[in-house]
Amino acid sequence: MLLDTGFHQGAGLHGYTPQRDLRLLPVLSHPAPSIALETLWQVCSSLQRLGYPVVVLDGTAHESAGAPGLLHLLASTAAAAALDASATSSSLPVVPAALGLQRLAQQEGLAHDALQCLLPLFRAYAAVVLFAPPELAAPLLRGSASVPLVLTGPGAQGMVRGYLQLKHMALHAGVRCAVASIQPPGTPVRAQQTQEALGALRRNAERLLGMQVHTTTVWAARPQDVQRLALQLLENACTIDATMPMLPAHSLAASSAPLMDRSH
């Protein structure tokens, strides 16, 4: 059960729930199953508890006749009406989106123009989580102000996978990412080893990619850590507006304190 909080670091964000705009929250997926995926669902639930109706575009799942998704919504905006009811419920709608995102990525012009298609489809929601592999997310996020989230597991293998995702997004989208190292419940507390691994990842990213990367550690069994990650994801979102380029969501909440902590 996630904790409810009255006052917290992100309280100032509550007054900025989009009415005309839509927040885009990119999270990069990877083939290896891990606690990271479970943590993502907890993060989405936390956002909903904070008053942000969320819909997930699952770029790892393909649409079909038996499992309609984004591709079908793009073909008929009337099909989006069925999603509106979910925006006021406690359920988390997950929309298969691999084919639809591929179609958007293949459109000519700026990624902003392609992502405008999402605005009329998800008007009832405050945020869209774009969960997709780097190869699919990069063309959609090229030139945007978003900061995609990379979820890694503990150990060297997770850090290597995380660095490869950072590199892909830097080279093919020109965006920097944030990295969250997810520590599964029941694992020994090895804070120093985790910090050393994250430190090595930051140094390699700065030396080889020329970018500074924010990192944080999240203990999956701690509700306060999950909520902190949810607020960080919200802070690093970009906003899709019908008349403006995608802007960093934190520009809408300049009065709130920075949320993304950098591990040392």
Protein backbone atom coordinates (compact mmCIF):
# COMPACT_ATOMS: atom_id res chain seq x y z
CA MET A 1 0.00 0.00 0.00
CA LEU A 2 1.46 3.33 -0.98
CA LEU A 3 1.54 6.08 1.61
CA ASP A 4 -0.76 9.10 1.38
CA THR A 5 0.89 12.40 2.17
CA GLY A 6 -0.63 15.78 2.78
CA PHE A 7 2.36 18.04 2.34
CA HIS A 8 5.35 16.86 0.34
CA GLN A 9 8.02 18.22 -1.96
CA GLY A 10 5.77 18.04 -5.01
CA ALA A 11 2.67 19.65 -3.49
CA GLY A 12 3.14 22.69 -5.69
CA LEU A 13 2.61 20.55 -8.76
CA HIS A 14 -1.00 19.80 -7.85
CA GLY A 15 -2.19 23.18 -9.01
CA TYR A 16 -0.87 22.54 -12.47
CA THR A 17 -2.89 19.51 -13.55
CA PRO A 18 -3.25 20.04 -17.30
CA GLN A 19 -6.65 20.95 -18.68
CA ARG A 20 -5.58 21.71 -22.23
CA ASP A 21 -2.09 20.24 -22.17
CA LEU A 22 -0.94 16.66 -21.78
CA ARG A 23 2.17 15.59 -19.94
CA LEU A 24 4.34 12.99 -21.66
CA LEU A 25 6.38 10.77 -19.32
CA PRO A 26 8.85 8.60 -21.27
CA VAL A 27 10.17 5.45 -19.59
CA LEU A 28 12.57 3.21 -21.50
CA SER A 29 11.93 -0.53 -21.55
CA HIS A 30 14.37 -3.40 -22.00
CA PRO A 31 13.88 -7.09 -22.82
CA ALA A 32 15.07 -8.50 -19.51
CA PRO A 33 12.19 -8.87 -17.03
CA SER A 34 12.95 -7.34 -13.67
CA ILE A 35 11.58 -5.59 -10.63
CA ALA A 36 11.77 -2.39 -12.68
CA LEU A 37 8.51 -3.14 -14.49
CA GLU A 38 6.66 -3.78 -11.24
CA THR A 39 8.07 -0.53 -9.91
CA LEU A 40 6.74 1.33 -12.94
CA TRP A 41 3.19 0.15 -12.18
CA GLN A 42 3.64 1.31 -8.58
CA VAL A 43 4.85 4.68 -9.84
CA CYS A 44 1.76 5.04 -12.06
CA SER A 45 -0.49 4.15 -9.13
CA SER A 46 1.29 6.75 -7.02
CA LEU A 47 0.68 9.42 -9.67
CA GLN A 48 -3.01 8.55 -9.73
CA ARG A 49 -3.17 8.81 -5.95
CA LEU A 50 -1.65 12.28 -6.27
CA GLY A 51 -4.50 13.30 -8.55
CA TYR A 52 -2.97 12.70 -11.99
CA PRO A 53 -5.04 10.29 -14.14
CA VAL A 54 -2.48 8.21 -16.07
CA VAL A 55 -2.65 6.10 -19.20
CA VAL A 56 0.24 3.88 -20.31
CA LEU A 57 1.18 3.48 -23.97
CA ASP A 58 2.94 0.11 -23.97
CA GLY A 59 5.40 0.14 -26.85
CA THR A 60 6.40 -3.44 -26.05
CA ALA A 61 2.90 -4.81 -26.86
CA HIS A 62 1.53 -5.08 -30.41
CA GLU A 63 -2.04 -4.18 -31.27
CA SER A 64 -4.31 -6.82 -32.77
CA ALA A 65 -7.97 -7.44 -33.49
CA GLY A 66 -8.27 -9.13 -30.11
CA ALA A 67 -6.21 -6.50 -28.33
CA PRO A 68 -6.94 -3.11 -29.93
CA GLY A 69 -4.69 -0.24 -29.01
CA LEU A 70 -3.09 2.97 -30.20
CA LEU A 71 -3.17 2.00 -33.87
CA HIS A 72 -6.95 1.68 -33.66
CA LEU A 73 -7.29 4.93 -31.73
CA LEU A 74 -5.33 6.78 -34.39
CA ALA A 75 -7.66 5.41 -37.04
CA SER A 76 -10.79 6.57 -35.23
CA THR A 77 -10.86 9.17 -32.46
CA ALA A 78 -14.32 7.89 -31.53
CA ALA A 79 -12.62 4.76 -30.20
CA ALA A 80 -10.95 6.91 -27.53
CA ALA A 81 -14.30 7.50 -25.83
CA ALA A 82 -14.06 4.10 -24.15
CA LEU A 83 -10.90 5.24 -22.39
CA ASP A 84 -12.49 8.32 -20.85
CA ALA A 85 -14.32 6.33 -18.19
CA SER A 86 -11.05 4.83 -16.99
CA ALA A 87 -9.67 8.31 -16.31
CA THR A 88 -12.03 8.72 -13.36
CA SER A 89 -11.51 5.23 -11.97
CA SER A 90 -8.71 3.74 -9.90
CA SER A 91 -7.74 1.30 -12.64
CA LEU A 92 -4.63 1.87 -14.74
CA PRO A 93 -5.37 1.65 -18.48
CA VAL A 94 -2.51 0.07 -20.44
CA VAL A 95 -2.84 0.50 -24.21
CA PRO A 96 -0.91 -1.75 -26.64
CA ALA A 97 1.00 0.75 -28.75
CA ALA A 98 3.95 -0.76 -30.63
CA LEU A 99 2.43 -0.41 -34.10
CA GLY A 100 0.84 2.95 -33.43
CA LEU A 101 4.08 4.42 -32.11
CA GLN A 102 5.92 3.05 -35.14
CA ARG A 103 3.43 4.83 -37.39
CA LEU A 104 3.92 8.10 -35.51
CA ALA A 105 7.70 7.70 -35.63
CA GLN A 106 7.57 7.28 -39.42
CA GLN A 107 5.72 10.55 -39.97
CA GLU A 108 7.78 13.28 -41.55
CA GLY A 109 8.56 16.45 -39.67
CA LEU A 110 9.24 17.11 -36.00
CA ALA A 111 8.43 14.57 -33.32
CA HIS A 112 6.28 17.29 -31.73
CA ASP A 113 3.97 17.27 -34.75
CA ALA A 114 3.55 13.49 -34.59
CA LEU A 115 2.85 13.47 -30.87
CA GLN A 116 0.13 16.09 -31.28
CA CYS A 117 -2.03 13.15 -32.40
CA LEU A 118 -2.09 11.97 -28.79
CA LEU A 119 -3.70 15.16 -27.50
CA PRO A 120 -7.30 14.59 -28.68
CA LEU A 121 -7.10 10.87 -27.84
CA PHE A 122 -6.23 11.29 -24.17
CA ARG A 123 -7.93 14.55 -23.19
CA ALA A 124 -9.38 12.92 -20.08
CA TYR A 125 -5.92 12.17 -18.71
CA ALA A 126 -3.28 14.33 -17.08
CA ALA A 127 -0.31 12.22 -18.16
CA VAL A 128 0.68 9.63 -20.75
CA VAL A 129 3.48 7.23 -19.82
CA LEU A 130 5.35 6.32 -22.99
CA PHE A 131 6.84 2.93 -22.18
CA ALA A 132 8.97 1.83 -25.11
CA PRO A 133 12.43 0.56 -26.07
CA PRO A 134 15.01 3.22 -27.00
CA GLU A 135 14.81 2.29 -30.69
CA LEU A 136 11.13 3.24 -30.75
CA ALA A 137 11.24 6.13 -28.30
CA ALA A 138 14.19 7.99 -29.85
CA PRO A 139 12.53 9.20 -33.09
CA LEU A 140 9.46 10.30 -31.14
CA LEU A 141 11.43 12.28 -28.56
CA ARG A 142 13.98 13.82 -30.91
CA GLY A 143 14.24 17.53 -30.19
CA SER A 144 11.90 17.42 -27.20
CA ALA A 145 12.60 18.76 -23.73
CA SER A 146 11.72 15.49 -22.03
CA VAL A 147 14.10 13.55 -19.79
CA PRO A 148 13.34 9.84 -20.32
CA LEU A 149 13.69 7.59 -17.30
CA VAL A 150 15.98 4.56 -17.43
CA LEU A 151 15.15 1.88 -14.87
CA THR A 152 18.07 -0.41 -14.04
CA GLY A 153 18.44 -3.34 -11.73
CA PRO A 154 21.24 -3.82 -9.22
CA GLY A 155 24.68 -4.99 -10.27
CA ALA A 156 27.05 -4.32 -13.13
CA GLN A 157 24.82 -5.88 -15.78
CA GLY A 158 22.02 -3.45 -15.01
CA MET A 159 24.40 -0.50 -15.20
CA VAL A 160 25.81 -1.63 -18.55
CA ARG A 161 22.30 -1.97 -19.97
CA GLY A 162 21.43 1.45 -18.59
CA TYR A 163 24.48 3.04 -20.19
CA LEU A 164 23.62 1.54 -23.57
CA GLN A 165 20.16 3.08 -23.34
CA LEU A 166 21.67 6.44 -22.40
CA LYS A 167 24.00 6.23 -25.39
CA HIS A 168 21.22 5.36 -27.82
CA MET A 169 19.03 8.26 -26.69
CA ALA A 170 21.96 10.68 -26.80
CA LEU A 171 23.01 9.70 -30.32
CA HIS A 172 19.59 9.23 -31.92
CA ALA A 173 17.35 11.66 -30.03
CA GLY A 174 19.74 14.22 -28.60
CA VAL A 175 18.16 14.00 -25.15
CA ARG A 176 19.64 13.19 -21.78
CA CYS A 177 18.09 10.63 -19.47
CA ALA A 178 17.66 10.13 -15.75
CA VAL A 179 18.61 6.79 -14.22
CA ALA A 180 16.92 5.05 -11.30
CA SER A 181 18.58 1.97 -9.84
CA ILE A 182 15.79 -0.26 -8.50
CA GLN A 183 16.73 -2.37 -5.49
CA PRO A 184 14.42 -5.40 -5.10
CA PRO A 185 12.87 -6.21 -1.71
CA GLY A 186 14.81 -8.64 0.40
CA THR A 187 18.19 -7.88 -1.15
CA PRO A 188 21.11 -7.00 1.13
CA VAL A 189 21.61 -3.29 1.64
CA ARG A 190 24.71 -2.50 -0.39
CA ALA A 191 24.41 1.25 -0.64
CA GLN A 192 28.11 1.85 -1.19
CA GLN A 193 28.31 -0.61 -4.09
CA THR A 194 25.23 0.89 -5.70
CA GLN A 195 26.57 4.43 -5.36
CA GLU A 196 29.91 3.39 -6.81
CA ALA A 197 28.21 1.77 -9.81
CA LEU A 198 26.03 4.83 -10.40
CA GLY A 199 29.07 7.05 -10.04
CA ALA A 200 30.89 5.06 -12.73
CA LEU A 201 27.85 5.36 -15.00
CA ARG A 202 27.75 9.15 -14.54
CA ARG A 203 31.46 9.50 -15.23
CA ASN A 204 31.29 7.39 -18.39
CA ALA A 205 28.27 9.34 -19.63
CA GLU A 206 30.05 12.65 -19.08
CA ARG A 207 33.36 11.48 -20.55
CA LEU A 208 32.07 9.48 -23.52
CA LEU A 209 28.73 11.12 -24.28
CA GLY A 210 29.45 14.64 -23.07
CA MET A 211 26.36 14.82 -20.87
CA GLN A 212 25.57 14.97 -17.18
CA VAL A 213 23.19 12.28 -16.00
CA HIS A 214 21.07 12.45 -12.86
CA THR A 215 20.84 9.21 -10.92
CA THR A 216 18.92 8.00 -7.91
CA THR A 217 18.44 4.79 -5.94
CA VAL A 218 14.95 3.44 -5.28
CA TRP A 219 14.20 0.69 -2.79
CA ALA A 220 11.13 -1.03 -4.21
CA ALA A 221 9.85 -1.99 -0.75
CA ARG A 222 9.74 1.64 0.42
CA PRO A 223 6.55 3.47 -0.58
CA GLN A 224 8.22 6.83 0.02
CA ASP A 225 10.91 5.95 -2.53
CA VAL A 226 8.28 5.00 -5.11
CA GLN A 227 6.41 8.25 -4.56
CA ARG A 228 9.64 10.23 -4.84
CA LEU A 229 10.36 8.54 -8.17
CA ALA A 230 6.82 9.34 -9.36
CA LEU A 231 7.35 13.02 -8.60
CA GLN A 232 10.73 12.99 -10.32
CA LEU A 233 9.16 11.48 -13.41
CA LEU A 234 6.47 14.14 -13.36
CA GLU A 235 9.05 16.88 -12.94
CA ASN A 236 11.03 15.63 -15.95
CA ALA A 237 8.00 15.27 -18.22
CA CYS A 238 7.36 17.45 -21.24
CA THR A 239 4.04 19.01 -22.14
CA ILE A 240 2.21 18.43 -25.40
CA ASP A 241 0.25 21.55 -26.28
CA ALA A 242 -1.84 22.07 -29.36
CA THR A 243 -0.24 25.42 -30.15
CA MET A 244 3.25 25.22 -28.65
CA PRO A 245 6.37 23.02 -28.95
CA MET A 246 6.87 20.40 -26.26
CA LEU A 247 8.01 22.22 -23.14
CA PRO A 248 9.57 20.80 -19.99
CA ALA A 249 6.82 20.24 -17.47
CA HIS A 250 8.91 21.76 -14.70
CA SER A 251 8.59 25.13 -16.42
CA LEU A 252 4.94 25.04 -15.36
CA ALA A 253 5.96 24.59 -11.75
CA ALA A 254 8.96 26.86 -11.42
CA SER A 255 8.02 27.70 -7.85
CA SER A 256 8.46 24.11 -6.67
CA ALA A 257 11.85 22.85 -5.49
CA PRO A 258 13.87 20.58 -7.80
CA LEU A 259 12.94 16.98 -7.19
CA MET A 260 15.56 14.95 -8.99
CA ASP A 261 18.32 14.14 -6.55
CA ARG A 262 21.74 13.20 -7.79
CA SER A 263 23.43 10.31 -6.08
CA HIS A 264 26.99 10.89 -4.98
